[in-house]
Every structure is written in C-alpha cells, then in structure tokens.
Amino acid sequence: TLLREKYGENAKLIYELQDSIDDDGNNEKLALRYDLTVPFARYISQNKISAMKRYQIGKV
C-alpha cells in the first residue's frame, strides 16, 4: 500500500483493516498508522458507530 511504501522499515507499525465494500459496491482497502488506531477505536466504540467514512489530511 501507499503507506507501506512511505514508511519503509516502520511499515510494521501500520495496521490493515478488513477489506470493506463501499456504497457503490467497490472493494476498499483500509489501513491506519499505529498511533491512530487506539484513539479511533475508542471513538467508534464510545459513539456506537457501525459505519462511517473518515478522512484526515496533514503532515506526518
């Protein structure tokens, strides 16, 4: 994935999520950097969200 190419040796710190199908029936590959997984999982569980789209753009 694009994230793995960017982080090289630190690619082990990226978690790939289960493939999902978007609203148009297309297969989506999802991944998160390690430092985003816990806060994001906490937000999802506290708000009882079953489906959502999230975009984050910024320097890493």
PDB file of N, CA and C in Angstrom:
ATOM      1  N   THR A   1       0.835  -1.185   0.000  1.00  0.00           N
ATOM      2  CA  THR A   1       0.000   0.000   0.000  1.00  0.00           C
ATOM      3  C   THR A   1       0.874   1.240   0.000  1.00  0.00           C
ATOM      4  N   LEU A   2       0.261   2.362  -0.229  1.00  0.00           N
ATOM      5  CA  LEU A   2       0.973   3.630  -0.258  1.00  0.00           C
ATOM      6  C   LEU A   2       1.627   3.919   1.087  1.00  0.00           C
ATOM      7  N   LEU A   3       0.936   3.611   2.171  1.00  0.00           N
ATOM      8  CA  LEU A   3       1.512   3.838   3.495  1.00  0.00           C
ATOM      9  C   LEU A   3       2.756   2.996   3.714  1.00  0.00           C
ATOM     10  N   ARG A   4       2.736   1.745   3.304  1.00  0.00           N
ATOM     11  CA  ARG A   4       3.888   0.862   3.490  1.00  0.00           C
ATOM     12  C   ARG A   4       5.100   1.362   2.715  1.00  0.00           C
ATOM     13  N   GLU A   5       4.891   1.860   1.508  1.00  0.00           N
ATOM     14  CA  GLU A   5       5.995   2.385   0.709  1.00  0.00           C
ATOM     15  C   GLU A   5       6.604   3.609   1.381  1.00  0.00           C
ATOM     16  N   LYS A   6       5.782   4.445   1.966  1.00  0.00           N
ATOM     17  CA  LYS A   6       6.251   5.678   2.582  1.00  0.00           C
ATOM     18  C   LYS A   6       7.069   5.421   3.845  1.00  0.00           C
ATOM     19  N   TYR A   7       6.660   4.459   4.659  1.00  0.00           N
ATOM     20  CA  TYR A   7       7.303   4.243   5.946  1.00  0.00           C
ATOM     21  C   TYR A   7       8.418   3.211   5.922  1.00  0.00           C
ATOM     22  N   GLY A   8       8.562   2.469   4.848  1.00  0.00           N
ATOM     23  CA  GLY A   8       9.661   1.524   4.714  1.00  0.00           C
ATOM     24  C   GLY A   8       9.761   0.570   5.885  1.00  0.00           C
ATOM     25  N   GLU A   9      10.857   0.692   6.637  1.00  0.00           N
ATOM     26  CA  GLU A   9      11.110  -0.214   7.760  1.00  0.00           C
ATOM     27  C   GLU A   9      10.040  -0.098   8.844  1.00  0.00           C
ATOM     28  N   ASN A  10       9.465   1.073   8.997  1.00  0.00           N
ATOM     29  CA  ASN A  10       8.420   1.276  10.006  1.00  0.00           C
ATOM     30  C   ASN A  10       7.054   0.818   9.533  1.00  0.00           C
ATOM     31  N   ALA A  11       6.991   0.150   8.401  1.00  0.00           N
ATOM     32  CA  ALA A  11       5.711  -0.330   7.872  1.00  0.00           C
ATOM     33  C   ALA A  11       5.071  -1.350   8.810  1.00  0.00           C
ATOM     34  N   LYS A  12       5.862  -1.934   9.702  1.00  0.00           N
ATOM     35  CA  LYS A  12       5.304  -2.880  10.673  1.00  0.00           C
ATOM     36  C   LYS A  12       4.348  -2.171  11.633  1.00  0.00           C
ATOM     37  N   LEU A  13       4.416  -0.839  11.663  1.00  0.00           N
ATOM     38  CA  LEU A  13       3.590  -0.057  12.572  1.00  0.00           C
ATOM     39  C   LEU A  13       2.254   0.334  11.954  1.00  0.00           C
ATOM     40  N   ILE A  14       1.935  -0.264  10.810  1.00  0.00           N
ATOM     41  CA  ILE A  14       0.684   0.038  10.121  1.00  0.00           C
ATOM     42  C   ILE A  14      -0.245  -1.159  10.249  1.00  0.00           C
ATOM     43  N   TYR A  15      -1.469  -0.898  10.633  1.00  0.00           N
ATOM     44  CA  TYR A  15      -2.467  -1.952  10.762  1.00  0.00           C
ATOM     45  C   TYR A  15      -3.403  -1.897   9.569  1.00  0.00           C
ATOM     46  N   GLU A  16      -3.560  -3.018   8.894  1.00  0.00           N
ATOM     47  CA  GLU A  16      -4.515  -3.088   7.799  1.00  0.00           C
ATOM     48  C   GLU A  16      -5.834  -3.610   8.349  1.00  0.00           C
ATOM     49  N   LEU A  17      -6.898  -2.960   7.966  1.00  0.00           N
ATOM     50  CA  LEU A  17      -8.224  -3.357   8.411  1.00  0.00           C
ATOM     51  C   LEU A  17      -8.848  -4.291   7.391  1.00  0.00           C
ATOM     52  N   GLN A  18      -9.847  -4.971   7.793  1.00  0.00           N
ATOM     53  CA  GLN A  18     -10.539  -5.886   6.894  1.00  0.00           C
ATOM     54  C   GLN A  18     -11.068  -5.114   5.695  1.00  0.00           C
ATOM     55  N   ASP A  19     -10.912  -5.689   4.504  1.00  0.00           N
ATOM     56  CA  ASP A  19     -11.449  -5.060   3.296  1.00  0.00           C
ATOM     57  C   ASP A  19     -12.943  -4.858   3.462  1.00  0.00           C
ATOM     58  N   SER A  20     -13.422  -3.757   2.932  1.00  0.00           N
ATOM     59  CA  SER A  20     -14.851  -3.479   3.019  1.00  0.00           C
ATOM     60  C   SER A  20     -15.376  -3.089   1.648  1.00  0.00           C
ATOM     61  N   ILE A  21     -16.666  -3.061   1.534  1.00  0.00           N
ATOM     62  CA  ILE A  21     -17.306  -2.699   0.271  1.00  0.00           C
ATOM     63  C   ILE A  21     -18.008  -1.364   0.476  1.00  0.00           C
ATOM     64  N   ASP A  22     -17.719  -0.391  -0.389  1.00  0.00           N
ATOM     65  CA  ASP A  22     -18.342   0.921  -0.244  1.00  0.00           C
ATOM     66  C   ASP A  22     -19.766   0.925  -0.783  1.00  0.00           C
ATOM     67  N   ASP A  23     -20.392   2.082  -0.747  1.00  0.00           N
ATOM     68  CA  ASP A  23     -21.796   2.206  -1.159  1.00  0.00           C
ATOM     69  C   ASP A  23     -22.023   1.845  -2.622  1.00  0.00           C
ATOM     70  N   ASP A  24     -20.986   1.995  -3.449  1.00  0.00           N
ATOM     71  CA  ASP A  24     -21.110   1.689  -4.878  1.00  0.00           C
ATOM     72  C   ASP A  24     -20.765   0.242  -5.200  1.00  0.00           C
ATOM     73  N   GLY A  25     -20.447  -0.558  -4.189  1.00  0.00           N
ATOM     74  CA  GLY A  25     -20.109  -1.961  -4.406  1.00  0.00           C
ATOM     75  C   GLY A  25     -18.645  -2.191  -4.728  1.00  0.00           C
ATOM     76  N   ASN A  26     -17.802  -1.151  -4.570  1.00  0.00           N
ATOM     77  CA  ASN A  26     -16.372  -1.285  -4.833  1.00  0.00           C
ATOM     78  C   ASN A  26     -15.649  -1.772  -3.587  1.00  0.00           C
ATOM     79  N   ASN A  27     -14.613  -2.564  -3.787  1.00  0.00           N
ATOM     80  CA  ASN A  27     -13.813  -3.084  -2.692  1.00  0.00           C
ATOM     81  C   ASN A  27     -12.847  -1.996  -2.224  1.00  0.00           C
ATOM     82  N   GLU A  28     -12.811  -1.720  -0.924  1.00  0.00           N
ATOM     83  CA  GLU A  28     -11.922  -0.706  -0.373  1.00  0.00           C
ATOM     84  C   GLU A  28     -10.888  -1.372   0.522  1.00  0.00           C
ATOM     85  N   LYS A  29      -9.636  -0.947   0.404  1.00  0.00           N
ATOM     86  CA  LYS A  29      -8.598  -1.395   1.323  1.00  0.00           C
ATOM     87  C   LYS A  29      -8.366  -0.277   2.321  1.00  0.00           C
ATOM     88  N   LEU A  30      -8.361  -0.606   3.598  1.00  0.00           N
ATOM     89  CA  LEU A  30      -8.219   0.387   4.638  1.00  0.00           C
ATOM     90  C   LEU A  30      -7.006   0.079   5.496  1.00  0.00           C
ATOM     91  N   ALA A  31      -6.324   1.128   5.960  1.00  0.00           N
ATOM     92  CA  ALA A  31      -5.162   0.951   6.826  1.00  0.00           C
ATOM     93  C   ALA A  31      -5.033   2.168   7.734  1.00  0.00           C
ATOM     94  N   LEU A  32      -4.461   1.966   8.918  1.00  0.00           N
ATOM     95  CA  LEU A  32      -4.209   3.049   9.856  1.00  0.00           C
ATOM     96  C   LEU A  32      -2.795   2.944  10.393  1.00  0.00           C
ATOM     97  N   ARG A  33      -2.161   4.084  10.608  1.00  0.00           N
ATOM     98  CA  ARG A  33      -0.886   4.076  11.309  1.00  0.00           C
ATOM     99  C   ARG A  33      -1.145   3.715  12.762  1.00  0.00           C
ATOM    100  N   TYR A  34      -0.132   3.142  13.414  1.00  0.00           N
ATOM    101  CA  TYR A  34      -0.301   2.651  14.781  1.00  0.00           C
ATOM    102  C   TYR A  34      -0.776   3.719  15.738  1.00  0.00           C
ATOM    103  N   ASP A  35      -0.330   4.959  15.594  1.00  0.00           N
ATOM    104  CA  ASP A  35      -0.697   5.999  16.555  1.00  0.00           C
ATOM    105  C   ASP A  35      -2.120   6.509  16.376  1.00  0.00           C
ATOM    106  N   LEU A  36      -2.825   6.056  15.342  1.00  0.00           N
ATOM    107  CA  LEU A  36      -4.209   6.467  15.133  1.00  0.00           C
ATOM    108  C   LEU A  36      -5.205   5.368  15.487  1.00  0.00           C
ATOM    109  N   THR A  37      -4.735   4.157  15.715  1.00  0.00           N
ATOM    110  CA  THR A  37      -5.659   3.040  15.895  1.00  0.00           C
ATOM    111  C   THR A  37      -6.422   3.103  17.214  1.00  0.00           C
ATOM    112  N   VAL A  38      -5.750   3.356  18.316  1.00  0.00           N
ATOM    113  CA  VAL A  38      -6.412   3.337  19.622  1.00  0.00           C
ATOM    114  C   VAL A  38      -7.400   4.492  19.776  1.00  0.00           C
ATOM    115  N   PRO A  39      -7.011   5.747  19.487  1.00  0.00           N
ATOM    116  CA  PRO A  39      -7.997   6.822  19.625  1.00  0.00           C
ATOM    117  C   PRO A  39      -9.204   6.638  18.706  1.00  0.00           C
ATOM    118  N   PHE A  40      -8.972   6.155  17.509  1.00  0.00           N
ATOM    119  CA  PHE A  40     -10.064   5.956  16.562  1.00  0.00           C
ATOM    120  C   PHE A  40     -10.982   4.833  17.037  1.00  0.00           C
ATOM    121  N   ALA A  41     -10.421   3.743  17.502  1.00  0.00           N
ATOM    122  CA  ALA A  41     -11.227   2.630  18.012  1.00  0.00           C
ATOM    123  C   ALA A  41     -12.037   3.073  19.229  1.00  0.00           C
ATOM    124  N   ARG A  42     -11.429   3.884  20.087  1.00  0.00           N
ATOM    125  CA  ARG A  42     -12.142   4.390  21.262  1.00  0.00           C
ATOM    126  C   ARG A  42     -13.329   5.260  20.837  1.00  0.00           C
ATOM    127  N   TYR A  43     -13.122   6.131  19.873  1.00  0.00           N
ATOM    128  CA  TYR A  43     -14.200   6.994  19.384  1.00  0.00           C
ATOM    129  C   TYR A  43     -15.351   6.167  18.816  1.00  0.00           C
ATOM    130  N   ILE A  44     -15.016   5.164  18.011  1.00  0.00           N
ATOM    131  CA  ILE A  44     -16.036   4.312  17.395  1.00  0.00           C
ATOM    132  C   ILE A  44     -16.847   3.585  18.467  1.00  0.00           C
ATOM    133  N   SER A  45     -16.161   3.012  19.449  1.00  0.00           N
ATOM    134  CA  SER A  45     -16.874   2.235  20.464  1.00  0.00           C
ATOM    135  C   SER A  45     -17.710   3.121  21.385  1.00  0.00           C
ATOM    136  N   GLN A  46     -17.210   4.291  21.757  1.00  0.00           N
ATOM    137  CA  GLN A  46     -17.961   5.167  22.649  1.00  0.00           C
ATOM    138  C   GLN A  46     -19.209   5.738  21.988  1.00  0.00           C
ATOM    139  N   ASN A  47     -19.164   5.907  20.674  1.00  0.00           N
ATOM    140  CA  ASN A  47     -20.295   6.505  19.972  1.00  0.00           C
ATOM    141  C   ASN A  47     -21.160   5.474  19.259  1.00  0.00           C
ATOM    142  N   LYS A  48     -20.863   4.198  19.483  1.00  0.00           N
ATOM    143  CA  LYS A  48     -21.647   3.096  18.911  1.00  0.00           C
ATOM    144  C   LYS A  48     -21.883   3.267  17.411  1.00  0.00           C
ATOM    145  N   ILE A  49     -20.797   3.548  16.699  1.00  0.00           N
ATOM    146  CA  ILE A  49     -20.864   3.756  15.250  1.00  0.00           C
ATOM    147  C   ILE A  49     -20.598   2.430  14.555  1.00  0.00           C
ATOM    148  N   SER A  50     -21.460   2.062  13.624  1.00  0.00           N
ATOM    149  CA  SER A  50     -21.268   0.802  12.902  1.00  0.00           C
ATOM    150  C   SER A  50     -20.699   1.026  11.504  1.00  0.00           C
ATOM    151  N   ALA A  51     -20.891   2.214  10.939  1.00  0.00           N
ATOM    152  CA  ALA A  51     -20.343   2.511   9.612  1.00  0.00           C
ATOM    153  C   ALA A  51     -20.101   4.010   9.500  1.00  0.00           C
ATOM    154  N   MET A  52     -18.967   4.382   8.938  1.00  0.00           N
ATOM    155  CA  MET A  52     -18.653   5.793   8.735  1.00  0.00           C
ATOM    156  C   MET A  52     -17.496   5.934   7.768  1.00  0.00           C
ATOM    157  N   LYS A  53     -17.305   7.128   7.266  1.00  0.00           N
ATOM    158  CA  LYS A  53     -16.131   7.450   6.461  1.00  0.00           C
ATOM    159  C   LYS A  53     -15.369   8.533   7.203  1.00  0.00           C
ATOM    160  N   ARG A  54     -14.060   8.397   7.250  1.00  0.00           N
ATOM    161  CA  ARG A  54     -13.233   9.364   7.963  1.00  0.00           C
ATOM    162  C   ARG A  54     -12.049   9.705   7.086  1.00  0.00           C
ATOM    163  N   TYR A  55     -11.771  10.979   6.953  1.00  0.00           N
ATOM    164  CA  TYR A  55     -10.629  11.435   6.175  1.00  0.00           C
ATOM    165  C   TYR A  55      -9.788  12.337   7.059  1.00  0.00           C
ATOM    166  N   GLN A  56      -8.473  12.185   6.991  1.00  0.00           N
ATOM    167  CA  GLN A  56      -7.578  13.054   7.738  1.00  0.00           C
ATOM    168  C   GLN A  56      -6.399  13.379   6.846  1.00  0.00           C
ATOM    169  N   ILE A  57      -6.138  14.653   6.700  1.00  0.00           N
ATOM    170  CA  ILE A  57      -5.035  15.097   5.859  1.00  0.00           C
ATOM    171  C   ILE A  57      -4.137  15.974   6.709  1.00  0.00           C
ATOM    172  N   GLY A  58      -2.848  15.720   6.662  1.00  0.00           N
ATOM    173  CA  GLY A  58      -1.921  16.539   7.418  1.00  0.00           C
ATOM    174  C   GLY A  58      -0.519  15.993   7.334  1.00  0.00           C
ATOM    175  N   LYS A  59       0.415  16.739   7.905  1.00  0.00           N
ATOM    176  CA  LYS A  59       1.805  16.293   7.937  1.00  0.00           C
ATOM    177  C   LYS A  59       1.934  15.112   8.875  1.00  0.00           C
ATOM    178  N   VAL A  60       2.818  14.218   8.530  1.00  0.00           N
ATOM    179  CA  VAL A  60       3.033  13.037   9.354  1.00  0.00           C
ATOM    180  C   VAL A  60       4.482  12.987   9.754  1.00  0.00           C
TER     181      VAL A  60
END
